[in-house]
N, C-alpha and C. Protein backbone atom coordinates (compact mmCIF):
# COMPACT_ATOMS: atom_id res chain seq x y z
N UNK A 1 118.55 109.51 54.71
CA UNK A 1 117.89 108.86 56.09
C UNK A 1 118.57 108.79 57.34
N UNK A 2 117.47 109.43 58.16
CA UNK A 2 118.60 109.77 60.15
C UNK A 2 117.78 108.82 60.57
N UNK A 3 118.70 108.12 61.60
CA UNK A 3 118.60 107.24 62.75
C UNK A 3 118.91 108.21 63.98
N UNK A 4 117.57 107.99 64.97
CA UNK A 4 117.71 108.16 66.31
C UNK A 4 117.23 107.39 67.12
N UNK A 5 117.92 107.26 68.47
CA UNK A 5 117.65 106.52 69.11
C UNK A 5 116.74 107.41 70.64
N UNK A 6 115.34 107.57 70.64
CA UNK A 6 115.18 108.26 71.80
C UNK A 6 115.68 109.58 71.39
N UNK A 7 115.30 110.38 70.38
CA UNK A 7 115.57 111.66 70.07
C UNK A 7 115.04 112.67 71.00
N UNK A 8 113.75 112.38 71.78
CA UNK A 8 113.52 113.39 72.55
C UNK A 8 113.27 112.88 74.04
N UNK A 9 113.79 111.76 74.01
CA UNK A 9 113.74 111.06 75.49
C UNK A 9 114.02 112.15 76.80
N UNK A 10 115.14 112.69 76.83
CA UNK A 10 115.49 113.62 78.09
C UNK A 10 115.39 114.85 77.74
N UNK A 11 114.36 115.18 77.16
CA UNK A 11 114.08 116.76 76.67
C UNK A 11 112.75 116.94 77.46
N UNK A 12 112.54 118.35 77.76
CA UNK A 12 111.27 119.00 77.81
C UNK A 12 110.29 119.06 77.21
N UNK A 13 108.90 119.40 77.26
CA UNK A 13 107.82 119.06 76.37
C UNK A 13 108.64 119.99 75.47
N UNK A 14 108.89 121.11 75.53
CA UNK A 14 109.23 122.37 74.32
C UNK A 14 109.75 121.98 73.86
N UNK A 15 111.04 121.42 74.13
CA UNK A 15 112.67 120.89 72.92
C UNK A 15 112.24 119.52 72.34
N UNK A 16 111.31 118.69 72.79
CA UNK A 16 110.90 117.49 72.39
C UNK A 16 110.01 117.88 71.23
N UNK A 17 108.67 119.07 71.29
CA UNK A 17 108.18 119.48 69.85
C UNK A 17 108.86 119.93 68.83
N UNK A 18 109.95 120.57 69.67
CA UNK A 18 111.25 121.62 68.21
C UNK A 18 111.19 120.35 67.47
N UNK A 19 111.71 119.11 68.33
CA UNK A 19 112.86 118.40 67.72
C UNK A 19 111.80 117.27 67.07
N UNK A 20 110.48 117.20 67.47
CA UNK A 20 109.61 116.69 66.13
C UNK A 20 109.03 117.10 64.84
N UNK A 21 108.94 118.74 65.36
CA UNK A 21 108.87 119.72 64.20
C UNK A 21 110.01 119.64 63.10
N UNK A 22 111.15 119.83 63.52
CA UNK A 22 111.75 119.51 62.95
C UNK A 22 112.04 118.32 61.88
N UNK A 23 112.11 116.64 62.49
CA UNK A 23 111.97 115.98 61.96
C UNK A 23 110.62 115.63 60.65
N UNK A 24 109.12 116.18 61.75
CA UNK A 24 108.16 116.54 60.41
C UNK A 24 108.17 117.42 59.47
N UNK A 25 109.04 118.19 59.27
CA UNK A 25 109.56 119.26 58.06
C UNK A 25 110.49 118.41 57.51
N UNK A 26 111.25 118.32 58.10
CA UNK A 26 112.30 117.37 56.98
C UNK A 26 112.02 115.97 56.15
N UNK A 27 110.98 115.76 56.87
CA UNK A 27 110.28 114.37 55.97
C UNK A 27 109.41 115.05 54.88
N UNK A 28 108.31 115.89 55.36
CA UNK A 28 107.76 116.45 54.68
C UNK A 28 108.20 117.71 53.63
N UNK A 29 108.98 118.29 53.15
CA UNK A 29 109.54 118.89 52.86
C UNK A 29 110.73 118.65 51.85
N UNK A 30 111.56 117.64 52.70
CA UNK A 30 112.81 116.99 51.72
C UNK A 30 112.72 115.62 51.21
N UNK A 31 111.54 114.85 51.92
CA UNK A 31 111.70 113.80 51.92
C UNK A 31 112.26 112.63 52.23
N UNK A 32 112.92 113.17 53.69
CA UNK A 32 114.21 112.38 54.32
C UNK A 32 113.09 111.20 55.19
N UNK A 33 113.63 110.18 55.09
CA UNK A 33 113.52 109.32 55.91
C UNK A 33 113.64 109.32 57.26
N UNK A 34 112.63 109.19 58.13
CA UNK A 34 113.06 109.37 59.76
C UNK A 34 113.18 108.11 60.18
N UNK A 35 114.37 107.52 60.92
CA UNK A 35 113.67 105.98 61.86
C UNK A 35 113.76 106.27 62.99
N UNK A 36 113.25 106.62 64.05
CA UNK A 36 113.75 106.45 65.88
C UNK A 36 112.81 105.11 66.42
N UNK A 37 113.70 105.22 67.34
CA UNK A 37 113.26 104.40 68.67
C UNK A 37 112.54 105.46 69.71
N UNK A 38 111.49 104.62 70.20
CA UNK A 38 110.87 105.98 71.01
C UNK A 38 109.96 104.45 71.84
N UNK A 39 109.79 104.69 73.17
CA UNK A 39 109.02 104.34 74.23
C UNK A 39 107.74 105.15 74.47
N UNK A 40 107.70 106.35 73.69
CA UNK A 40 106.93 107.09 73.85
C UNK A 40 105.65 107.15 72.98
N UNK A 41 104.43 106.60 73.15
CA UNK A 41 103.33 106.10 72.50
C UNK A 41 102.99 107.27 71.80
N UNK A 42 102.78 108.51 72.54
CA UNK A 42 102.16 109.78 72.02
C UNK A 42 103.31 110.09 71.24
N UNK A 43 104.71 110.24 71.35
CA UNK A 43 105.46 110.46 69.90
C UNK A 43 105.51 109.58 69.01
N UNK A 44 105.66 108.70 69.26
CA UNK A 44 105.20 107.53 67.70
C UNK A 44 103.59 107.68 67.00
N UNK A 45 103.23 109.01 67.55
CA UNK A 45 101.92 108.87 67.10
C UNK A 45 101.78 110.18 65.82
N UNK A 46 103.18 110.48 66.31
CA UNK A 46 103.38 111.68 64.92
C UNK A 46 103.97 111.25 63.95
N UNK A 47 104.42 109.72 63.62
CA UNK A 47 104.64 109.57 62.51
C UNK A 47 103.96 108.60 61.74
N UNK A 48 104.15 108.77 60.29
CA UNK A 48 103.13 107.49 59.26
C UNK A 48 103.04 106.22 59.88
N UNK A 49 104.11 105.71 60.08
CA UNK A 49 104.28 104.25 60.81
C UNK A 49 104.91 103.88 61.57
N UNK A 50 104.39 103.33 62.48
CA UNK A 50 104.64 102.66 63.81
C UNK A 50 104.83 100.90 63.82
N UNK A 51 106.01 100.62 64.10
CA UNK A 51 106.61 98.82 64.41
C UNK A 51 106.78 98.54 65.60
N UNK A 52 105.80 97.89 66.16
CA UNK A 52 106.25 97.69 67.33
C UNK A 52 106.75 96.06 67.70
N UNK A 53 107.96 95.88 68.65
CA UNK A 53 108.67 94.87 68.46
C UNK A 53 108.43 94.50 69.96
N UNK A 54 108.48 93.31 70.41
CA UNK A 54 108.63 92.38 71.58
C UNK A 54 109.55 91.35 71.61
N UNK A 55 110.26 91.32 72.13
CA UNK A 55 111.70 90.22 72.48
C UNK A 55 112.02 90.08 71.15
N UNK A 56 112.22 91.05 70.33
CA UNK A 56 113.45 91.28 69.20
C UNK A 56 112.08 90.42 68.27
N UNK A 57 110.94 90.59 68.21
CA UNK A 57 110.31 90.13 67.31
C UNK A 57 109.42 91.03 66.97
N UNK A 58 108.49 91.72 65.60
CA UNK A 58 108.09 92.48 65.01
C UNK A 58 106.75 91.78 65.50
N UNK A 59 105.79 92.76 66.67
CA UNK A 59 104.07 92.15 66.93
C UNK A 59 103.31 92.84 66.05
N UNK A 60 103.51 93.90 65.59
CA UNK A 60 102.61 94.74 64.51
C UNK A 60 103.61 96.16 64.02
N UNK A 61 102.79 96.09 62.86
CA UNK A 61 103.48 96.71 61.82
C UNK A 61 102.15 97.97 61.38
N UNK A 62 102.17 99.23 61.56
CA UNK A 62 100.88 100.20 61.07
C UNK A 62 101.19 101.29 60.56
N UNK A 63 100.03 101.38 59.37
CA UNK A 63 100.42 102.30 59.06
C UNK A 63 99.40 103.46 60.49
N UNK A 64 100.05 104.72 60.60
CA UNK A 64 99.35 105.88 61.37
C UNK A 64 98.43 106.52 60.12
N UNK A 65 96.94 106.55 59.97
CA UNK A 65 96.17 106.98 59.05
C UNK A 65 95.94 108.64 59.34
N UNK A 66 96.33 109.20 60.44
CA UNK A 66 96.34 110.42 60.74
C UNK A 66 97.36 111.27 61.58
N UNK A 67 98.62 110.87 60.99
CA UNK A 67 99.78 111.81 62.27
C UNK A 67 99.33 112.98 62.90
N UNK A 68 99.37 112.81 64.32
CA UNK A 68 99.46 113.97 64.90
C UNK A 68 100.86 115.10 64.42
N UNK A 69 100.55 116.20 64.07
CA UNK A 69 101.10 117.35 64.24
C UNK A 69 101.64 117.43 65.17
N UNK A 70 103.28 117.89 65.20
CA UNK A 70 104.07 118.54 66.65
C UNK A 70 103.61 119.88 66.80
N UNK A 71 103.26 119.98 67.99
CA UNK A 71 102.99 121.41 68.85
C UNK A 71 101.68 121.68 68.36
N UNK A 72 100.69 121.13 67.29
CA UNK A 72 99.33 121.11 66.74
C UNK A 72 98.34 120.91 68.13
N UNK A 73 99.00 119.63 68.40
CA UNK A 73 97.82 118.68 69.41
C UNK A 73 98.57 118.89 70.80
N UNK A 74 97.56 118.87 71.88
CA UNK A 74 97.78 118.96 73.28
C UNK A 74 97.98 117.36 73.85
N UNK A 75 98.77 116.81 74.63
CA UNK A 75 98.87 115.99 74.93
C UNK A 75 97.80 115.48 76.12
N UNK A 76 97.26 113.96 75.92
CA UNK A 76 96.39 113.65 76.53
C UNK A 76 96.91 113.17 78.40
N UNK A 77 96.59 112.59 79.16
CA UNK A 77 96.74 112.38 80.11
C UNK A 77 97.69 110.83 79.57
N UNK A 78 98.34 110.79 80.89
CA UNK A 78 98.98 109.71 80.58
C UNK A 78 98.20 107.96 80.69
N UNK A 79 97.24 107.95 81.06
CA UNK A 79 96.03 106.93 81.71
C UNK A 79 95.55 106.89 80.05
N UNK A 80 95.38 108.21 79.36
CA UNK A 80 94.12 107.93 78.13
C UNK A 80 94.54 107.49 77.50
N UNK A 81 96.04 107.88 77.46
CA UNK A 81 97.10 107.54 76.12
C UNK A 81 97.66 105.80 76.09
N UNK A 82 97.73 105.39 77.21
CA UNK A 82 98.40 104.03 77.95
C UNK A 82 97.06 103.04 77.33
N UNK A 83 95.75 103.78 77.90
CA UNK A 83 94.70 102.90 77.50
C UNK A 83 94.08 102.36 75.95
N UNK A 84 94.61 103.88 75.45
CA UNK A 84 94.23 103.70 73.73
C UNK A 84 95.42 102.84 73.15
N UNK A 85 96.90 102.95 73.26
CA UNK A 85 97.97 101.93 72.93
C UNK A 85 97.80 100.91 73.24
N UNK A 86 97.27 100.56 74.05
CA UNK A 86 97.39 99.03 74.69
C UNK A 86 95.60 98.37 74.11
N UNK A 87 94.82 99.28 74.07
CA UNK A 87 93.51 99.15 73.40
C UNK A 87 94.11 98.44 71.68
N UNK A 88 94.87 99.37 70.89
CA UNK A 88 95.59 98.98 69.73
C UNK A 88 96.28 97.88 69.52
N UNK A 89 97.23 97.82 70.00
CA UNK A 89 97.91 96.36 70.57
C UNK A 89 97.56 95.25 70.76
N UNK A 90 96.90 95.51 71.51
CA UNK A 90 96.29 94.05 71.98
C UNK A 90 94.82 93.44 71.35
N UNK A 91 93.72 94.40 71.01
CA UNK A 91 92.76 93.93 70.51
C UNK A 91 92.58 94.75 68.87
N UNK A 92 93.43 95.01 68.20
CA UNK A 92 93.51 95.36 67.46
C UNK A 92 94.72 94.50 66.09
N UNK A 93 94.45 95.40 64.90
CA UNK A 93 95.32 94.53 63.80
C UNK A 93 94.93 93.94 63.27
N UNK A 94 96.10 93.06 62.23
CA UNK A 94 95.50 92.19 61.45
C UNK A 94 95.73 91.02 61.80
N UNK A 95 94.80 90.05 61.73
CA UNK A 95 94.66 88.68 62.32
C UNK A 95 96.33 87.71 62.57
N UNK A 96 96.94 88.26 61.28
CA UNK A 96 98.40 87.59 61.24
C UNK A 96 98.90 88.07 62.48
N UNK A 97 99.15 89.52 62.73
CA UNK A 97 99.44 89.98 64.12
C UNK A 97 99.60 89.37 65.26
N UNK A 98 100.59 88.95 66.16
CA UNK A 98 100.14 88.54 67.25
C UNK A 98 99.88 89.44 68.46
N UNK A 99 98.13 89.45 68.87
CA UNK A 99 98.00 90.55 69.66
C UNK A 99 97.66 89.90 70.68
């Protein structure tokens, strides 16, 4: 298991993509679990599962049906990205989740 705190946070786009490619390869090819913290919703969409915390409590725990492949998809504008995340977190999910 790899634990990573903001592994792409201070990297340029190219280096961040390379890190995500390595993580995805380790998970896919070697079965290594990778747990990382990110505030970047675009990076989170490259995973198979997203857990969202607010004030120390889990408010959402979601399977990502079609994770993005690092380097294969173009990043959307920040406005479009934030709108999609907010729509999902606040208006989607299960009834037992706080939305």
